[in-house]
C-alpha atoms as a PDB file:
ATOM      1  CA  PHE A   1      -0.004   0.007  -0.001  1.00  0.00           C
ATOM      2  CA  GLY A   2       1.033   3.617  -0.570  1.00  0.00           C
ATOM      3  CA  ASP A   3       3.976   2.734  -2.832  1.00  0.00           C
ATOM      4  CA  GLY A   4       5.992   1.507   0.133  1.00  0.00           C
ATOM      5  CA  LYS A   5       5.341   4.657   2.162  1.00  0.00           C
ATOM      6  CA  LEU A   6       3.205   2.846   4.784  1.00  0.00           C
ATOM      7  CA  SER A   7       4.903   1.000   7.638  1.00  0.00           C
ATOM      8  CA  PHE A   8       3.101  -1.577   9.758  1.00  0.00           C
ATOM      9  CA  THR A   9       2.724  -0.416  13.372  1.00  0.00           C
ATOM     10  CA  GLY A  10       0.897  -3.381  14.931  1.00  0.00           C
ATOM     11  CA  ILE A  11      -2.536  -4.740  15.779  1.00  0.00           C
ATOM     12  CA  GLU A  12      -5.014  -2.002  16.691  1.00  0.00           C
ATOM     13  CA  TYR A  13      -7.826  -4.299  17.803  1.00  0.00           C
ATOM     14  CA  GLU A  14      -9.098  -7.906  17.711  1.00  0.00           C
ATOM     15  CA  ARG A  15     -12.794  -8.833  17.887  1.00  0.00           C
ATOM     16  CA  GLU A  16     -14.167 -12.375  17.754  1.00  0.00           C
ATOM     17  CA  PHE A  17     -17.743 -13.321  16.879  1.00  0.00           C
ATOM     18  CA  GLY A  18     -17.846 -17.098  17.030  1.00  0.00           C
ATOM     19  CA  ASP A  19     -16.017 -18.428  13.974  1.00  0.00           C
ATOM     20  CA  VAL A  20     -15.510 -14.901  12.580  1.00  0.00           C
ATOM     21  CA  ALA A  21     -12.874 -12.390  13.719  1.00  0.00           C
ATOM     22  CA  LEU A  22     -12.108  -8.799  12.828  1.00  0.00           C
ATOM     23  CA  VAL A  23      -8.520  -7.564  13.160  1.00  0.00           C
ATOM     24  CA  GLY A  24      -7.428  -3.974  12.721  1.00  0.00           C
ATOM     25  CA  LEU A  25      -3.948  -3.583  11.232  1.00  0.00           C
ATOM     26  CA  GLY A  26      -2.272  -0.267  11.920  1.00  0.00           C
ATOM     27  CA  PHE A  27      -0.113   1.559   9.406  1.00  0.00           C
ATOM     28  CA  LEU A  28       1.817   4.846   9.560  1.00  0.00           C
ATOM     29  CA  HIS A  29       2.497   6.976   6.500  1.00  0.00           C
ATOM     30  CA  LYS A  30       6.246   7.649   6.590  1.00  0.00           C
ATOM     31  CA  ASP A  31       6.069  10.989   4.788  1.00  0.00           C
ATOM     32  CA  TYR A  32       2.999  12.561   6.397  1.00  0.00           C
ATOM     33  CA  ASN A  33       2.888  10.968   9.891  1.00  0.00           C
ATOM     34  CA  GLU A  34      -0.747   9.951   9.380  1.00  0.00           C
ATOM     35  CA  LYS A  35      -2.150   6.728  10.877  1.00  0.00           C
ATOM     36  CA  PHE A  36      -4.361   4.267   8.963  1.00  0.00           C
ATOM     37  CA  VAL A  37      -6.218   1.135  10.034  1.00  0.00           C
ATOM     38  CA  LEU A  38      -7.010  -1.698   7.628  1.00  0.00           C
ATOM     39  CA  GLU A  39      -9.674  -4.100   8.876  1.00  0.00           C
ATOM     40  CA  VAL A  40      -9.162  -7.762   8.044  1.00  0.00           C
ATOM     41  CA  LYS A  41     -11.987 -10.287   8.334  1.00  0.00           C
ATOM     42  CA  LEU A  42     -10.995 -13.856   9.189  1.00  0.00           C
ATOM     43  CA  ARG A  43     -13.017 -17.063   9.405  1.00  0.00           C
ATOM     44  CA  MET A  44     -12.190 -20.198  11.368  1.00  0.00           C
ATOM     45  CA  GLY A  45     -11.889 -23.275   9.149  1.00  0.00           C
ATOM     46  CA  ASP A  46     -10.525 -26.787   9.438  1.00  0.00           C
ATOM     47  CA  ASP A  47      -6.986 -25.463   9.067  1.00  0.00           C
ATOM     48  CA  GLY A  48      -7.397 -22.491  11.441  1.00  0.00           C
ATOM     49  CA  TRP A  49      -8.051 -18.812  10.804  1.00  0.00           C
ATOM     50  CA  LYS A  50      -8.090 -17.674   7.173  1.00  0.00           C
ATOM     51  CA  VAL A  51      -8.419 -14.193   5.722  1.00  0.00           C
ATOM     52  CA  VAL A  52     -11.691 -13.935   3.806  1.00  0.00           C
ATOM     53  CA  GLU A  53     -12.109 -10.192   3.310  1.00  0.00           C
ATOM     54  CA  LEU A  54     -10.450  -6.790   3.631  1.00  0.00           C
ATOM     55  CA  GLY A  55     -13.478  -5.077   5.107  1.00  0.00           C
ATOM     56  CA  ASN A  56     -12.632  -1.384   4.681  1.00  0.00           C
ATOM     57  CA  LEU A  57     -10.201  -1.546   1.764  1.00  0.00           C
ATOM     58  CA  TYR A  58     -12.149   0.979  -0.338  1.00  0.00           C
ATOM     59  CA  ASP A  59     -12.351   3.539   2.507  1.00  0.00           C
ATOM     60  CA  PHE A  60      -8.701   2.824   3.399  1.00  0.00           C
ATOM     61  CA  MET A  61      -7.482   3.575  -0.122  1.00  0.00           C
ATOM     62  CA  LYS A  62      -9.798   6.560  -0.450  1.00  0.00           C
ATOM     63  CA  ARG A  63      -8.502   8.154   2.738  1.00  0.00           C
ATOM     64  CA  LEU A  64      -4.916   7.401   1.723  1.00  0.00           C
ATOM     65  CA  ASP A  65      -5.488   9.204  -1.569  1.00  0.00           C
ATOM     66  CA  GLU A  66      -7.169  12.155   0.160  1.00  0.00           C
ATOM     67  CA  VAL A  67      -4.346  12.536   2.680  1.00  0.00           C
ATOM     68  CA  GLU A  68      -1.639  12.387   0.008  1.00  0.00           C
ATOM     69  CA  ARG A  69      -3.513  14.870  -2.181  1.00  0.00           C
ATOM     70  CA  ARG A  70      -4.057  17.266   0.702  1.00  0.00           C
ATOM     71  CA  LYS A  71      -0.439  17.131   1.808  1.00  0.00           C
ATOM     72  CA  VAL A  72       0.844  17.668  -1.726  1.00  0.00           C
ATOM     73  CA  GLU A  73      -1.491  20.659  -2.148  1.00  0.00           C
ATOM     74  CA  GLU A  74      -0.237  22.148   1.118  1.00  0.00           C
ATOM     75  CA  LEU A  75       3.374  21.637   0.028  1.00  0.00           C
ATOM     76  CA  ASN A  76       2.699  23.144  -3.411  1.00  0.00           C
ATOM     77  CA  LYS A  77       1.106  26.190  -1.820  1.00  0.00           C
ATOM     78  CA  ARG A  78       4.278  26.916   0.117  1.00  0.00           C
ATOM     79  CA  ILE A  79       6.443  26.324  -2.964  1.00  0.00           C
ATOM     80  CA  SER A  80       4.197  28.578  -5.111  1.00  0.00           C
ATOM     81  CA  GLU A  81       4.533  31.361  -2.560  1.00  0.00           C
ATOM     82  CA  ARG A  82       8.326  31.069  -2.715  1.00  0.00           C
ATOM     83  CA  ILE A  83       8.267  31.071  -6.516  1.00  0.00           C
ATOM     84  CA  SER A  84       6.059  34.189  -6.600  1.00  0.00           C
ATOM     85  CA  ARG A  85       8.533  36.018  -4.340  1.00  0.00           C
ATOM     86  CA  ASN A  86      11.236  35.467  -6.933  1.00  0.00           C
ATOM     87  CA  LEU A  87       9.544  35.273 -10.364  1.00  0.00           C
ATOM     88  CA  VAL A  88       6.325  36.726 -11.702  1.00  0.00           C
ATOM     89  CA  VAL A  89       4.606  37.004 -15.100  1.00  0.00           C
ATOM     90  CA  GLU A  90       4.645  40.696 -15.951  1.00  0.00           C
ATOM     91  CA  SER A  91       2.516  40.421 -19.083  1.00  0.00           C
ATOM     92  CA  VAL A  92       1.170  38.087 -21.758  1.00  0.00           C
ATOM     93  CA  GLY A  93       0.586  39.272 -25.317  1.00  0.00           C
ATOM     94  CA  LYS A  94      -1.290  37.469 -28.064  1.00  0.00           C
ATOM     95  CA  TYR A  95      -1.128  38.089 -31.816  1.00  0.00           C
ATOM     96  CA  SER A  96      -2.521  36.423 -34.950  1.00  0.00           C
ATOM     97  CA  TYR A  97      -1.509  36.605 -38.594  1.00  0.00           C
ATOM     98  CA  ALA A  98      -1.949  34.823 -41.911  1.00  0.00           C
ATOM     99  CA  ARG A  99       1.020  33.828 -43.995  1.00  0.00           C
ATOM    100  CA  ASP A 100      -0.874  33.745 -47.276  1.00  0.00           C
ATOM    101  CA  VAL A 101      -3.242  36.150 -49.084  1.00  0.00           C
ATOM    102  CA  TRP A 102      -6.202  33.761 -48.682  1.00  0.00           C
ATOM    103  CA  GLY A 103      -5.969  33.611 -44.898  1.00  0.00           C
ATOM    104  CA  ILE A 104      -5.683  29.839 -44.871  1.00  0.00           C
ATOM    105  CA  ASP A 105      -2.155  29.516 -43.503  1.00  0.00           C
ATOM    106  CA  ARG A 106      -2.837  30.996 -40.077  1.00  0.00           C
ATOM    107  CA  ARG A 107      -0.648  31.320 -36.997  1.00  0.00           C
ATOM    108  CA  VAL A 108      -1.225  32.412 -33.414  1.00  0.00           C
ATOM    109  CA  GLY A 109       1.568  33.616 -31.177  1.00  0.00           C
ATOM    110  CA  PHE A 110       2.037  34.495 -27.540  1.00  0.00           C
ATOM    111  CA  LYS A 111       4.759  36.465 -25.816  1.00  0.00           C
ATOM    112  CA  VAL A 112       5.122  35.816 -22.092  1.00  0.00           C
ATOM    113  CA  ASN A 113       7.260  38.303 -20.158  1.00  0.00           C
ATOM    114  CA  PHE A 114       8.816  37.105 -16.898  1.00  0.00           C
ATOM    115  CA  LYS A 115      10.262  39.422 -14.262  1.00  0.00           C
ATOM    116  CA  ASN A 116      12.771  38.470 -11.594  1.00  0.00           C
ATOM    117  CA  VAL A 117      11.460  40.151  -8.426  1.00  0.00           C
ATOM    118  CA  GLY A 118      13.907  38.395  -6.125  1.00  0.00           C
ATOM    119  CA  ASP A 119      17.554  38.989  -5.305  1.00  0.00           C
ATOM    120  CA  ARG A 120      19.107  35.964  -7.029  1.00  0.00           C
ATOM    121  CA  VAL A 121      19.841  35.171 -10.683  1.00  0.00           C
ATOM    122  CA  ILE A 122      17.342  32.725 -12.169  1.00  0.00           C
ATOM    123  CA  ASP A 123      18.921  30.192 -14.485  1.00  0.00           C
ATOM    124  CA  GLU A 124      15.816  28.471 -15.882  1.00  0.00           C
ATOM    125  CA  CYS A 125      12.057  28.347 -15.480  1.00  0.00           C
ATOM    126  CA  ARG A 126       9.102  26.505 -16.976  1.00  0.00           C
ATOM    127  CA  ALA A 127       5.529  27.751 -17.152  1.00  0.00           C
ATOM    128  CA  VAL A 128       2.209  26.300 -18.280  1.00  0.00           C
ATOM    129  CA  VAL A 129      -0.084  28.731 -20.105  1.00  0.00           C
ATOM    130  CA  SER A 130      -3.853  28.123 -20.277  1.00  0.00           C
ATOM    131  CA  VAL A 131      -5.946  30.299 -22.589  1.00  0.00           C
ATOM    132  CA  LYS A 132      -9.731  30.385 -22.227  1.00  0.00           C
ATOM    133  CA  ASN A 133     -12.541  32.303 -23.860  1.00  0.00           C
ATOM    134  CA  SER A 134     -14.926  34.605 -21.972  1.00  0.00           C
ATOM    135  CA  GLY A 135     -17.159  31.600 -21.206  1.00  0.00           C
ATOM    136  CA  GLY A 136     -14.333  29.689 -19.545  1.00  0.00           C
ATOM    137  CA  ARG A 137     -13.797  27.103 -22.287  1.00  0.00           C
ATOM    138  CA  LEU A 138     -10.175  26.079 -22.758  1.00  0.00           C
ATOM    139  CA  LEU A 139      -8.861  27.054 -26.193  1.00  0.00           C
ATOM    140  CA  LYS A 140      -5.167  26.327 -25.811  1.00  0.00           C
ATOM    141  CA  LYS A 141      -2.743  24.978 -23.227  1.00  0.00           C
ATOM    142  CA  PHE A 142       0.991  24.949 -23.743  1.00  0.00           C
ATOM    143  CA  GLU A 143       4.342  25.054 -21.967  1.00  0.00           C
ATOM    144  CA  VAL A 144       7.052  27.679 -22.308  1.00  0.00           C
ATOM    145  CA  VAL A 145      10.644  27.233 -21.195  1.00  0.00           C
ATOM    146  CA  LEU A 146      12.987  30.104 -20.361  1.00  0.00           C
ATOM    147  CA  GLY A 147      16.569  28.918 -20.572  1.00  0.00           C
ATOM    148  CA  ASP A 148      18.405  32.259 -20.354  1.00  0.00           C
ATOM    149  CA  ASP A 149      19.515  33.900 -17.117  1.00  0.00           C
ATOM    150  CA  ILE A 150      17.280  36.563 -15.573  1.00  0.00           C
ATOM    151  CA  ALA A 151      19.119  38.934 -13.253  1.00  0.00           C
ATOM    152  CA  PRO A 152      17.235  40.510 -10.327  1.00  0.00           C
ATOM    153  CA  GLY A 153      14.951  43.296 -11.502  1.00  0.00           C
ATOM    154  CA  ARG A 154      15.195  42.289 -15.158  1.00  0.00           C
ATOM    155  CA  VAL A 155      12.395  41.226 -17.549  1.00  0.00           C
ATOM    156  CA  LEU A 156      12.823  38.510 -20.154  1.00  0.00           C
ATOM    157  CA  GLY A 157      10.259  37.338 -22.694  1.00  0.00           C
ATOM    158  CA  VAL A 158       9.512  34.051 -24.427  1.00  0.00           C
ATOM    159  CA  VAL A 159       7.655  33.788 -27.732  1.00  0.00           C
ATOM    160  CA  LYS A 160       5.661  30.729 -28.724  1.00  0.00           C
ATOM    161  CA  GLU A 161       3.801  30.351 -32.054  1.00  0.00           C
ATOM    162  CA  PHE A 162       1.375  27.745 -33.335  1.00  0.00           C
ATOM    163  CA  ASP A 163      -0.145  26.796 -36.670  1.00  0.00           C
ATOM    164  CA  VAL A 164      -3.929  27.068 -36.702  1.00  0.00           C
ATOM    165  CA  ASN A 165      -5.842  23.979 -37.843  1.00  0.00           C
ATOM    166  CA  LEU A 166      -8.877  25.221 -39.769  1.00  0.00           C
ATOM    167  CA  PHE A 167     -10.829  22.121 -38.754  1.00  0.00           C
ATOM    168  CA  ILE A 168     -10.398  22.671 -35.015  1.00  0.00           C
ATOM    169  CA  LYS A 169     -13.010  25.038 -33.625  1.00  0.00           C
ATOM    170  CA  GLU A 170     -10.999  26.103 -30.592  1.00  0.00           C
ATOM    171  CA  GLU A 171      -7.939  27.049 -32.637  1.00  0.00           C
ATOM    172  CA  ASN A 172      -9.973  29.171 -35.019  1.00  0.00           C
ATOM    173  CA  GLU A 173     -11.702  30.887 -32.132  1.00  0.00           C
ATOM    174  CA  LEU A 174      -8.325  31.585 -30.561  1.00  0.00           C
ATOM    175  CA  TYR A 175      -7.095  33.078 -33.835  1.00  0.00           C
ATOM    176  CA  GLU A 176     -10.107  35.342 -34.234  1.00  0.00           C
ATOM    177  CA  THR A 177     -10.658  36.437 -30.636  1.00  0.00           C
ATOM    178  CA  PRO A 178      -9.022  39.741 -29.589  1.00  0.00           C
ATOM    179  CA  ALA A 179      -6.507  39.390 -26.798  1.00  0.00           C
ATOM    180  CA  GLY A 180      -8.640  41.527 -24.491  1.00  0.00           C
ATOM    181  CA  ASN A 181     -11.477  38.978 -24.667  1.00  0.00           C
ATOM    182  CA  LEU A 182      -9.311  36.051 -23.576  1.00  0.00           C
ATOM    183  CA  TYR A 183      -8.507  34.843 -20.092  1.00  0.00           C
ATOM    184  CA  VAL A 184      -4.883  33.756 -19.731  1.00  0.00           C
ATOM    185  CA  ASP A 185      -3.592  31.895 -16.697  1.00  0.00           C
ATOM    186  CA  VAL A 186       0.119  31.173 -16.241  1.00  0.00           C
ATOM    187  CA  LEU A 187       1.338  28.614 -13.725  1.00  0.00           C
ATOM    188  CA  ILE A 188       5.054  28.484 -12.922  1.00  0.00           C
ATOM    189  CA  PRO A 189       5.811  24.978 -11.612  1.00  0.00           C
ATOM    190  CA  PHE A 190       9.604  25.040 -11.941  1.00  0.00           C
ATOM    191  CA  VAL A 191      12.330  27.590 -11.174  1.00  0.00           C
ATOM    192  CA  LYS A 192      16.045  26.941 -11.045  1.00  0.00           C
ATOM    193  CA  PHE A 193      18.424  29.509  -9.583  1.00  0.00           C
ATOM    194  CA  LYS A 194      21.970  30.149 -10.704  1.00  0.00           C
ATOM    195  CA  ASP A 195      23.233  28.961  -7.320  1.00  0.00           C
ATOM    196  CA  GLY A 196      21.709  25.524  -7.976  1.00  0.00           C
ATOM    197  CA  GLU A 197      18.558  25.667  -5.813  1.00  0.00           C
ATOM    198  CA  VAL A 198      15.406  24.344  -7.496  1.00  0.00           C
ATOM    199  CA  LEU A 199      11.787  25.126  -6.655  1.00  0.00           C
ATOM    200  CA  LYS A 200       9.454  22.577  -8.207  1.00  0.00           C
ATOM    201  CA  LEU A 201       5.786  21.830  -7.644  1.00  0.00           C
ATOM    202  CA  LYS A 202       4.897  18.211  -6.946  1.00  0.00           C
ATOM    203  CA  GLU A 203       2.364  16.579  -9.249  1.00  0.00           C
ATOM    204  CA  VAL A 204      -1.021  15.735  -7.809  1.00  0.00           C
ATOM    205  CA  ASP A 205      -2.220  12.340  -9.054  1.00  0.00           C
END
């Protein structure tokens, strides 16, 4: 259970009801110091007690997943706060153009400007850009990577362009919609400093 992160702590309880017994097995999550109990149902047979059912397996796994998710979200919140004290998105610009006179060969581009608001040189960062229309529908999601150094107080931009598929509704809407009518969200999950320190968000399964 728990990808090896649970350690067995002992028997929490034993209850006998004739030829049936319920045993609670205790486990401790090594990373989060949270305790779990898995209930095992046994039945007395000719050869002694045999396990016939893991009574609360579904609830056990569900709580394990909830605890891991909650702890990762708490950790990511602290990491995000540290990232935002060092690197912010100053602006995002969107542009569209056609490379032919018929307007068939279309492209959409974005320029994301990052600003170092900390006091250390940033060596690399990655960001995930989500673009939605006014109704909240996702039109485009993509990653940008900044591989050049950003000194404290400096701004550095990254440009990303895409071909527009005429048969994909979202891409055509993205091409035709003015930048002011789009909602753009930028998540920075990774920052590496020149001194070697790395701030990285953990993935939530």
